[in-house]
């Protein structure tokens, strides 16, 4: 995972993780957890993903991951251009979502072969995922709540491989 120094002294990777968190939170503020389908949860994961080449995120992964996810989750249309800001402007998003989406997001290089398997897995585990997402929204600044949430995640079934011959833990 490449690490870059930002002007504030924190790593660029950390800043990208925080930007991704802000985007997911902004989207979740517009989408009640109890109304999310398994397919919606799969789309919600996509802004956290990157497409990488030679160990570095591609610069336009927002075109194939972030924007399509926002289109689905927020029921919007987008005119995808070469510029993220113009694309987001075409979607007429609320200010909190537009501001969060304009920042660099995505930090998980989910193995491509598992991305489609993960879609069915989200649908098969939607009730448990809704419980986890609700708990995540209510997390306080204490370690025990985070440990409890991690334990719930660990109890989920593993994501099947595309051939469904073996199970894999999402990275």
Protein backbone atom coordinates (compact mmCIF):
# COMPACT_ATOMS: atom_id res chain seq x y z
CA UNK A 1 0.00 0.00 0.00
CA UNK A 2 1.65 3.28 -1.04
CA UNK A 3 2.12 5.88 1.67
CA UNK A 4 2.42 9.58 0.86
CA UNK A 5 3.05 12.52 3.17
CA UNK A 6 0.48 15.28 3.10
CA UNK A 7 1.12 18.89 3.97
CA UNK A 8 -0.41 18.38 7.43
CA UNK A 9 2.04 15.63 8.32
CA UNK A 10 -0.51 12.83 8.17
CA UNK A 11 -0.28 10.27 5.43
CA UNK A 12 -2.22 10.76 2.21
CA UNK A 13 -3.55 7.24 2.67
CA UNK A 14 -4.99 8.14 6.07
CA UNK A 15 -6.58 11.27 4.60
CA UNK A 16 -8.13 9.14 1.85
CA UNK A 17 -9.52 6.73 4.46
CA UNK A 18 -11.08 9.65 6.36
CA UNK A 19 -12.49 11.10 3.11
CA UNK A 20 -14.05 7.72 2.34
CA UNK A 21 -15.53 7.59 5.82
CA UNK A 22 -17.06 11.05 5.31
CA UNK A 23 -18.61 10.00 1.99
CA UNK A 24 -20.12 6.80 3.38
CA UNK A 25 -21.51 8.72 6.37
CA UNK A 26 -23.00 11.40 4.09
CA UNK A 27 -24.67 8.77 1.92
CA UNK A 28 -25.91 6.89 4.98
CA UNK A 29 -27.46 10.08 6.33
CA UNK A 30 -29.62 10.07 3.18
CA UNK A 31 -30.38 6.32 3.26
CA UNK A 32 -31.92 4.73 6.37
CA UNK A 33 -30.17 1.44 7.17
CA UNK A 34 -33.43 -0.51 7.50
CA UNK A 35 -34.29 0.37 3.89
CA UNK A 36 -31.01 -0.90 2.42
CA UNK A 37 -31.13 -4.08 0.36
CA UNK A 38 -28.19 -6.43 -0.02
CA UNK A 39 -27.59 -4.88 -3.42
CA UNK A 40 -27.55 -1.41 -1.83
CA UNK A 41 -24.93 -2.53 0.70
CA UNK A 42 -22.81 -3.88 -2.16
CA UNK A 43 -23.05 -0.48 -3.89
CA UNK A 44 -22.21 1.23 -0.58
CA UNK A 45 -18.96 -0.75 -0.44
CA UNK A 46 -17.83 0.47 -3.86
CA UNK A 47 -16.72 3.98 -2.85
CA UNK A 48 -14.30 2.26 -0.44
CA UNK A 49 -12.69 0.29 -3.27
CA UNK A 50 -9.91 1.27 -5.62
CA UNK A 51 -8.71 -0.11 -8.88
CA UNK A 52 -4.95 -0.47 -8.74
CA UNK A 53 -2.22 -0.96 -11.28
CA UNK A 54 1.30 -1.89 -10.23
CA UNK A 55 0.46 -1.26 -6.59
CA UNK A 56 -0.95 2.23 -7.09
CA UNK A 57 -4.57 3.34 -7.34
CA UNK A 58 -5.65 4.36 -10.82
CA UNK A 59 -6.63 8.02 -11.01
CA UNK A 60 -10.00 7.41 -12.63
CA UNK A 61 -11.40 4.70 -10.35
CA UNK A 62 -14.03 7.26 -9.36
CA UNK A 63 -15.60 6.79 -12.82
CA UNK A 64 -16.13 3.06 -12.38
CA UNK A 65 -16.71 2.85 -8.62
CA UNK A 66 -17.70 6.06 -6.81
CA UNK A 67 -20.00 7.70 -9.34
CA UNK A 68 -21.93 4.54 -10.33
CA UNK A 69 -22.43 3.80 -6.62
CA UNK A 70 -23.81 7.27 -5.99
CA UNK A 71 -26.09 6.98 -9.03
CA UNK A 72 -27.53 3.74 -7.64
CA UNK A 73 -27.71 4.69 -3.97
CA UNK A 74 -29.17 8.15 -4.49
CA UNK A 75 -31.26 7.42 -7.58
CA UNK A 76 -29.46 10.09 -9.61
CA UNK A 77 -28.29 10.44 -13.18
CA UNK A 78 -24.74 11.44 -14.04
CA UNK A 79 -22.99 12.77 -17.10
CA UNK A 80 -19.58 11.21 -16.58
CA UNK A 81 -16.89 13.47 -17.96
CA UNK A 82 -13.12 13.55 -17.57
CA UNK A 83 -13.54 15.77 -14.53
CA UNK A 84 -14.93 14.57 -11.19
CA UNK A 85 -16.30 17.98 -10.19
CA UNK A 86 -18.26 18.39 -13.45
CA UNK A 87 -19.58 14.88 -13.10
CA UNK A 88 -20.71 15.50 -9.52
CA UNK A 89 -22.27 18.85 -10.50
CA UNK A 90 -24.33 17.04 -13.15
CA UNK A 91 -25.79 14.83 -10.41
CA UNK A 92 -27.21 17.71 -8.34
CA UNK A 93 -26.22 16.12 -5.03
CA UNK A 94 -26.88 17.58 -1.61
CA UNK A 95 -24.00 19.72 -0.34
CA UNK A 96 -22.69 17.23 2.26
CA UNK A 97 -22.60 14.39 -0.28
CA UNK A 98 -21.15 16.54 -3.08
CA UNK A 99 -18.40 17.88 -0.81
CA UNK A 100 -17.48 14.41 0.46
CA UNK A 101 -17.61 12.88 -3.03
CA UNK A 102 -15.31 15.57 -4.44
CA UNK A 103 -12.44 14.38 -2.24
CA UNK A 104 -10.16 11.46 -3.01
CA UNK A 105 -11.79 8.27 -1.73
CA UNK A 106 -11.24 4.54 -1.88
CA UNK A 107 -8.65 2.56 0.02
CA UNK A 108 -9.56 -1.13 -0.33
CA UNK A 109 -8.16 -2.97 -3.31
CA UNK A 110 -10.82 -5.68 -3.14
CA UNK A 111 -9.69 -8.58 -5.30
CA UNK A 112 -11.69 -8.20 -8.50
CA UNK A 113 -12.72 -11.85 -8.70
CA UNK A 114 -14.48 -11.50 -5.33
CA UNK A 115 -16.33 -8.26 -6.10
CA UNK A 116 -19.18 -10.06 -7.85
CA UNK A 117 -19.26 -12.86 -5.25
CA UNK A 118 -19.56 -10.18 -2.62
CA UNK A 119 -22.77 -8.92 -4.22
CA UNK A 120 -24.65 -12.16 -3.58
CA UNK A 121 -23.04 -12.45 -0.14
CA UNK A 122 -24.42 -9.03 0.82
CA UNK A 123 -27.91 -10.11 -0.21
CA UNK A 124 -27.62 -13.41 1.66
CA UNK A 125 -26.47 -11.62 4.82
CA UNK A 126 -28.55 -8.43 4.65
CA UNK A 127 -30.17 -8.78 8.09
CA UNK A 128 -26.82 -9.18 9.82
CA UNK A 129 -25.32 -6.36 7.74
CA UNK A 130 -28.16 -4.03 8.71
CA UNK A 131 -27.48 -4.78 12.39
CA UNK A 132 -23.77 -4.07 11.85
CA UNK A 133 -24.42 -0.85 9.93
CA UNK A 134 -26.82 0.36 12.62
CA UNK A 135 -24.23 -0.40 15.30
CA UNK A 136 -21.55 1.38 13.26
CA UNK A 137 -23.70 4.50 12.97
CA UNK A 138 -24.06 4.58 16.75
CA UNK A 139 -20.41 3.97 17.65
CA UNK A 140 -19.08 6.12 20.45
CA UNK A 141 -15.46 7.06 21.00
CA UNK A 142 -14.59 3.94 22.97
CA UNK A 143 -12.68 0.83 22.08
CA UNK A 144 -15.20 -1.68 23.47
CA UNK A 145 -17.90 -0.68 20.98
CA UNK A 146 -15.43 -1.12 18.14
CA UNK A 147 -14.31 -4.52 19.48
CA UNK A 148 -17.94 -5.63 19.76
CA UNK A 149 -18.59 -4.52 16.18
CA UNK A 150 -15.49 -6.31 14.93
CA UNK A 151 -16.70 -9.45 16.68
CA UNK A 152 -20.05 -9.22 14.85
CA UNK A 153 -18.23 -8.83 11.54
CA UNK A 154 -15.98 -11.79 12.31
CA UNK A 155 -19.04 -13.98 12.90
CA UNK A 156 -20.33 -13.42 9.36
CA UNK A 157 -19.90 -16.25 6.86
CA UNK A 158 -16.90 -15.94 4.59
CA UNK A 159 -17.33 -14.53 1.09
CA UNK A 160 -17.34 -17.41 -1.41
CA UNK A 161 -14.83 -17.53 -4.22
CA UNK A 162 -16.30 -16.94 -7.68
CA UNK A 163 -16.35 -20.69 -8.27
CA UNK A 164 -17.81 -21.19 -4.75
CA UNK A 165 -15.30 -23.97 -4.10
CA UNK A 166 -13.72 -22.24 -1.13
CA UNK A 167 -14.43 -19.35 1.19
CA UNK A 168 -12.48 -16.11 1.42
CA UNK A 169 -12.39 -13.32 3.98
CA UNK A 170 -12.88 -9.90 2.32
CA UNK A 171 -9.81 -7.69 2.60
